[in-house]
Protein backbone atom coordinates (compact mmCIF):
# COMPACT_ATOMS: atom_id res chain seq x y z
CA MET A 1 -31.77 -88.57 23.39
CA LYS A 2 -30.24 -91.35 21.29
CA ILE A 3 -27.38 -93.45 22.63
CA LEU A 4 -25.01 -95.90 20.92
CA ILE A 5 -23.24 -98.66 22.86
CA ILE A 6 -19.86 -99.98 21.67
CA GLU A 7 -18.95 -102.98 23.83
CA ASP A 8 -17.49 -106.34 22.84
CA GLU A 9 -18.82 -108.21 25.89
CA LEU A 10 -22.43 -108.85 24.92
CA PRO A 11 -23.77 -109.59 28.44
CA SER A 12 -22.29 -106.30 29.70
CA ALA A 13 -23.72 -104.45 26.70
CA ARG A 14 -27.20 -105.88 27.21
CA LEU A 15 -27.13 -105.02 30.91
CA LEU A 16 -26.07 -101.48 30.06
CA ARG A 17 -28.89 -101.19 27.53
CA ARG A 18 -31.45 -102.32 30.10
CA LYS A 19 -30.17 -99.71 32.56
CA LEU A 20 -30.36 -96.95 29.96
CA GLU A 21 -33.80 -97.95 28.74
CA GLY A 22 -34.91 -98.10 32.37
CA LEU A 23 -33.87 -94.44 32.64
CA GLY A 24 -36.01 -93.65 29.61
CA TYR A 25 -33.31 -93.36 26.92
CA THR A 26 -33.23 -94.93 23.45
CA VAL A 27 -30.33 -97.23 22.54
CA MET A 28 -29.82 -97.13 18.77
CA ALA A 29 -27.59 -100.20 18.53
CA ILE A 30 -24.97 -102.35 20.23
CA LEU A 31 -21.69 -102.67 18.30
CA GLN A 32 -18.87 -105.00 19.26
CA THR A 33 -15.83 -104.25 17.07
CA VAL A 34 -13.85 -101.36 15.63
CA GLU A 35 -14.68 -102.28 12.02
CA GLU A 36 -18.37 -102.83 12.71
CA SER A 37 -18.54 -99.44 14.43
CA ILE A 38 -16.83 -97.62 11.57
CA GLU A 39 -19.24 -99.17 9.04
CA TRP A 40 -22.19 -98.20 11.23
CA PHE A 41 -21.12 -94.55 11.43
CA LEU A 42 -20.70 -94.37 7.66
CA SER A 43 -24.34 -95.28 7.08
CA ASN A 44 -26.21 -93.89 10.13
CA VAL A 45 -26.96 -90.58 11.79
CA GLU A 46 -24.63 -89.92 14.72
CA PRO A 47 -26.04 -90.52 18.22
CA ASP A 48 -26.19 -87.82 20.87
CA LEU A 49 -24.05 -89.90 23.20
CA LEU A 50 -21.60 -92.81 22.88
CA LEU A 51 -21.05 -95.32 25.67
CA MET A 52 -17.82 -96.88 24.56
CA ASP A 53 -15.60 -99.61 25.94
CA ILE A 54 -11.94 -98.99 25.17
CA GLN A 55 -10.56 -102.47 24.54
CA LEU A 56 -12.53 -104.21 21.80
CA ALA A 57 -12.02 -107.59 20.16
CA ASP A 58 -10.19 -106.17 17.11
CA GLY A 59 -8.45 -103.15 18.62
CA ILE A 60 -9.11 -100.14 20.83
CA SER A 61 -12.01 -97.75 20.38
CA PHE A 62 -9.70 -94.75 19.91
CA GLU A 63 -9.19 -96.11 16.37
CA ILE A 64 -12.88 -95.44 15.68
CA LEU A 65 -12.55 -91.86 16.90
CA GLU A 66 -9.42 -91.26 14.83
CA ARG A 67 -11.02 -92.51 11.61
CA ILE A 68 -14.58 -91.22 12.00
CA LYS A 69 -14.13 -88.19 14.29
CA PRO A 70 -17.75 -88.20 15.52
CA SER A 71 -19.17 -85.09 17.16
CA SER A 72 -21.08 -87.19 19.69
CA ALA A 73 -20.20 -86.83 23.37
CA ILE A 74 -18.55 -89.91 24.88
CA ILE A 75 -18.71 -91.79 28.16
CA PHE A 76 -15.94 -94.38 28.30
CA THR A 77 -16.71 -97.67 30.06
CA THR A 78 -13.81 -99.97 30.84
CA ALA A 79 -12.30 -102.31 33.39
CA TYR A 80 -8.92 -100.57 33.19
CA ASP A 81 -7.69 -97.08 34.06
CA GLU A 82 -4.53 -97.10 31.92
CA TYR A 83 -6.23 -95.06 29.17
CA LEU A 84 -7.64 -92.42 31.50
CA LEU A 85 -5.55 -89.47 30.31
CA ARG A 86 -6.05 -90.33 26.64
CA ALA A 87 -9.78 -90.64 27.19
CA PHE A 88 -10.01 -87.18 28.75
CA LYS A 89 -8.37 -85.69 25.66
CA GLN A 90 -11.25 -87.00 23.55
CA ASN A 91 -14.72 -85.47 23.53
CA SER A 92 -15.44 -87.33 26.74
CA ILE A 93 -17.94 -86.57 29.48
CA ASP A 94 -16.85 -89.24 31.94
CA TYR A 95 -14.83 -92.43 32.44
CA LEU A 96 -16.67 -95.23 34.24
CA LEU A 97 -14.84 -98.25 35.61
CA LYS A 98 -16.58 -101.63 35.45
CA PRO A 99 -18.65 -102.93 37.08
CA ILE A 100 -20.68 -99.78 36.46
CA GLU A 101 -22.88 -98.74 39.35
CA ASP A 102 -26.34 -97.35 38.63
CA GLU A 103 -25.63 -94.10 40.47
CA GLU A 104 -22.39 -93.50 38.53
CA LEU A 105 -24.19 -94.06 35.23
CA GLU A 106 -27.01 -91.69 36.16
CA ASN A 107 -24.53 -89.02 37.27
CA ALA A 108 -22.59 -89.32 34.01
CA ILE A 109 -25.79 -88.91 31.98
CA LYS A 110 -26.78 -85.88 34.07
CA LYS A 111 -23.35 -84.36 33.46
CA PHE A 112 -23.85 -84.77 29.70
CA LEU A 113 -27.28 -83.15 29.86
CA GLN A 114 -25.82 -80.20 31.77
CA PHE A 115 -23.10 -79.72 29.16
CA ARG A 116 -25.58 -79.88 26.28
CA ARG A 117 -27.00 -76.40 26.67
CA PRO A 118 -29.09 -74.55 24.07
CA VAL A 119 -27.51 -71.77 22.05
CA LEU A 120 -28.28 -68.42 23.67
CA PRO A 121 -29.19 -65.27 21.74
CA PHE A 122 -26.38 -62.84 21.02
CA ASP A 123 -25.60 -60.63 24.02
CA PRO A 124 -23.47 -57.57 23.08
CA ALA A 125 -22.46 -56.90 26.69
CA ALA A 126 -21.30 -60.49 27.21
CA PHE A 127 -19.40 -60.39 23.92
CA GLU A 128 -17.64 -57.18 24.94
CA ALA A 129 -16.69 -58.70 28.30
CA LEU A 130 -15.29 -61.76 26.55
CA PHE A 131 -13.24 -59.56 24.25
CA ARG A 132 -11.83 -57.66 27.24
CA ASN A 133 -10.86 -60.89 28.95
CA THR A 134 -8.85 -62.10 25.94
CA SER A 135 -6.47 -59.18 26.43
CA GLN A 136 -5.46 -60.40 29.88
CA THR A 137 -1.81 -61.38 30.08
CA PHE A 138 -0.34 -64.07 32.26
CA LYS A 139 3.07 -64.61 33.78
CA GLU A 140 5.46 -66.14 31.23
CA ARG A 141 8.71 -66.20 33.19
CA PHE A 142 10.09 -66.21 36.72
CA THR A 143 13.34 -64.51 37.77
CA ILE A 144 14.91 -66.36 40.68
CA LYS A 145 17.88 -65.16 42.69
CA ILE A 146 20.46 -67.86 43.37
CA GLY A 147 23.34 -66.48 45.37
CA GLN A 148 24.70 -63.57 43.34
CA SER A 149 23.10 -64.80 40.11
CA LEU A 150 19.65 -64.61 38.55
CA LYS A 151 18.04 -67.60 36.87
CA ILE A 152 15.18 -67.17 34.43
CA VAL A 153 12.60 -69.95 34.26
CA THR A 154 9.84 -69.77 31.64
CA SER A 155 6.34 -70.97 32.44
CA GLN A 156 6.67 -73.80 29.91
CA GLN A 157 9.71 -75.16 31.77
CA ILE A 158 7.65 -75.59 34.93
CA GLU A 159 6.23 -79.01 35.76
CA CYS A 160 4.54 -78.00 38.97
CA ILE A 161 4.37 -75.36 41.67
CA TYR A 162 3.84 -76.60 45.21
CA SER A 163 3.85 -75.43 48.79
CA GLU A 164 5.78 -77.23 51.50
CA ASN A 165 6.83 -76.24 55.03
CA LYS A 166 5.44 -72.71 54.54
CA GLY A 167 7.49 -72.22 51.35
CA THR A 168 6.42 -72.13 47.70
CA TYR A 169 8.56 -73.94 45.13
CA ILE A 170 8.65 -74.51 41.40
CA TYR A 171 9.93 -77.74 39.90
CA THR A 172 11.24 -77.57 36.33
CA ASP A 173 11.65 -80.07 33.52
CA GLU A 174 15.40 -79.93 34.22
CA ASN A 175 14.77 -81.44 37.67
CA GLY A 176 15.45 -78.12 39.36
CA THR A 177 13.65 -76.94 42.50
CA TYR A 178 13.52 -73.21 43.26
CA LEU A 179 12.04 -71.22 46.12
CA LEU A 180 9.60 -68.44 45.22
CA ASP A 181 8.62 -65.38 47.22
CA GLN A 182 4.86 -65.66 46.56
CA THR A 183 2.17 -67.96 47.88
CA LEU A 184 0.10 -70.32 45.70
CA ASP A 185 -2.94 -68.11 46.29
CA ALA A 186 -1.05 -65.10 44.92
CA LEU A 187 0.40 -67.01 41.97
CA THR A 188 -2.75 -68.79 40.78
CA PRO A 189 -4.43 -65.79 39.05
CA GLN A 190 -1.10 -64.88 37.39
CA LEU A 191 -0.85 -68.22 35.57
CA SER A 192 -2.56 -69.07 32.30
CA PRO A 193 -5.60 -71.28 33.05
CA LYS A 194 -5.00 -72.95 29.70
CA ASP A 195 -1.61 -74.26 30.86
CA PHE A 196 -1.89 -74.51 34.65
CA PHE A 197 -4.42 -76.10 37.00
CA ARG A 198 -4.48 -76.02 40.79
CA ILE A 199 -5.39 -79.59 41.65
CA ASN A 200 -5.51 -79.10 45.43
CA ARG A 201 -4.54 -76.61 48.14
CA SER A 202 -0.81 -77.32 47.81
CA SER A 203 -0.16 -78.15 44.12
CA ILE A 204 -0.45 -76.57 40.67
CA VAL A 205 0.42 -78.70 37.63
CA GLN A 206 1.36 -77.72 34.08
CA PHE A 207 -0.56 -79.44 31.28
CA ASN A 208 2.38 -80.46 29.09
CA ALA A 209 4.15 -82.03 32.07
CA ILE A 210 1.38 -84.57 32.72
CA LYS A 211 2.43 -88.12 31.90
CA ASN A 212 -0.60 -90.00 33.16
CA VAL A 213 -3.72 -89.71 35.29
CA ALA A 214 -5.09 -92.59 37.34
CA VAL A 215 -8.21 -93.22 39.38
CA HIS A 216 -7.55 -92.71 43.10
CA SER A 217 -9.57 -93.42 46.22
CA ASN A 218 -12.74 -91.52 47.20
CA ALA A 219 -13.60 -90.50 43.61
CA ARG A 220 -10.34 -88.57 43.24
CA LEU A 221 -7.60 -88.67 40.59
CA LYS A 222 -3.83 -88.98 40.90
CA VAL A 223 -1.59 -87.05 38.51
CA TYR A 224 1.78 -88.39 37.36
CA LEU A 225 4.25 -85.90 35.88
CA LYS A 226 7.16 -86.56 33.54
CA HIS A 227 9.87 -85.87 36.11
CA TYR A 228 8.46 -84.67 39.43
CA GLU A 229 7.30 -87.47 41.71
CA SER A 230 5.05 -86.86 44.71
CA ASP A 231 2.25 -88.61 46.54
CA ASP A 232 0.62 -85.19 47.01
CA LEU A 233 -0.44 -84.78 43.36
CA ILE A 234 -4.03 -85.80 44.06
CA VAL A 235 -6.91 -83.94 42.42
CA SER A 236 -9.27 -83.08 45.25
CA ARG A 237 -12.78 -84.47 44.87
CA GLU A 238 -14.44 -81.09 44.39
CA LYS A 239 -12.00 -80.26 41.55
CA VAL A 240 -12.27 -83.54 39.59
CA ALA A 241 -15.01 -82.37 37.19
CA ALA A 242 -13.20 -79.10 36.43
CA PHE A 243 -9.90 -80.96 35.98
CA LYS A 244 -11.49 -83.33 33.45
CA SER A 245 -12.88 -80.37 31.51
CA TRP A 246 -9.46 -78.66 31.61
CA ILE A 247 -7.68 -81.70 30.19
CA ASN A 248 -10.35 -82.07 27.51
CA GLN A 249 -10.12 -78.49 26.21
């Protein structure tokens, strides 16, 4: 496996290279700027994996991705978590905060190796099952009784669905909160997995409502929505990997 390091702090880059070579991997080069990286990609074969700092001396590394659009998988390495959501939307495997611990680096590499699976031979039965699944429909609207009136809320208006005090509520992008007559367990399979993700036992978030994602304690993530504010929007530790994959679809 060939790895490229993009890092403007040379001591950090050299330390990272030693760690990678100690794990038995080949580092193709160390690049320090946006422009140097773009020139390198134009004249070299793409690496299997990029270890990329976000803030470089002449800009941010997202500029490289926008101009070159490499197919390489990416592990972001940075001292800041402000770009976390944007990083997940790239072809990223992980997001490591400096100083990078050996165990975190090894786990990120293992995650990449798990994702890089060989192409399997065509399986007619599996293909048929996939075709059947695409016909599944998901709930697109909710009809809520308010007094003597009915209010219709579409799924795209929902920021989150949460449980509180034995009740289940939806919160909309109009800052409205409405009580539902179903539990989160009952609702989860009715919602499109492309648009909704259950981040913990009490909260489901809608993708387009996410404003930011930040690193939280105990290897968890905290989700910030555009309007709804809650300290309970924490991605549980066992769901972090799946949540990252969901954001990166």
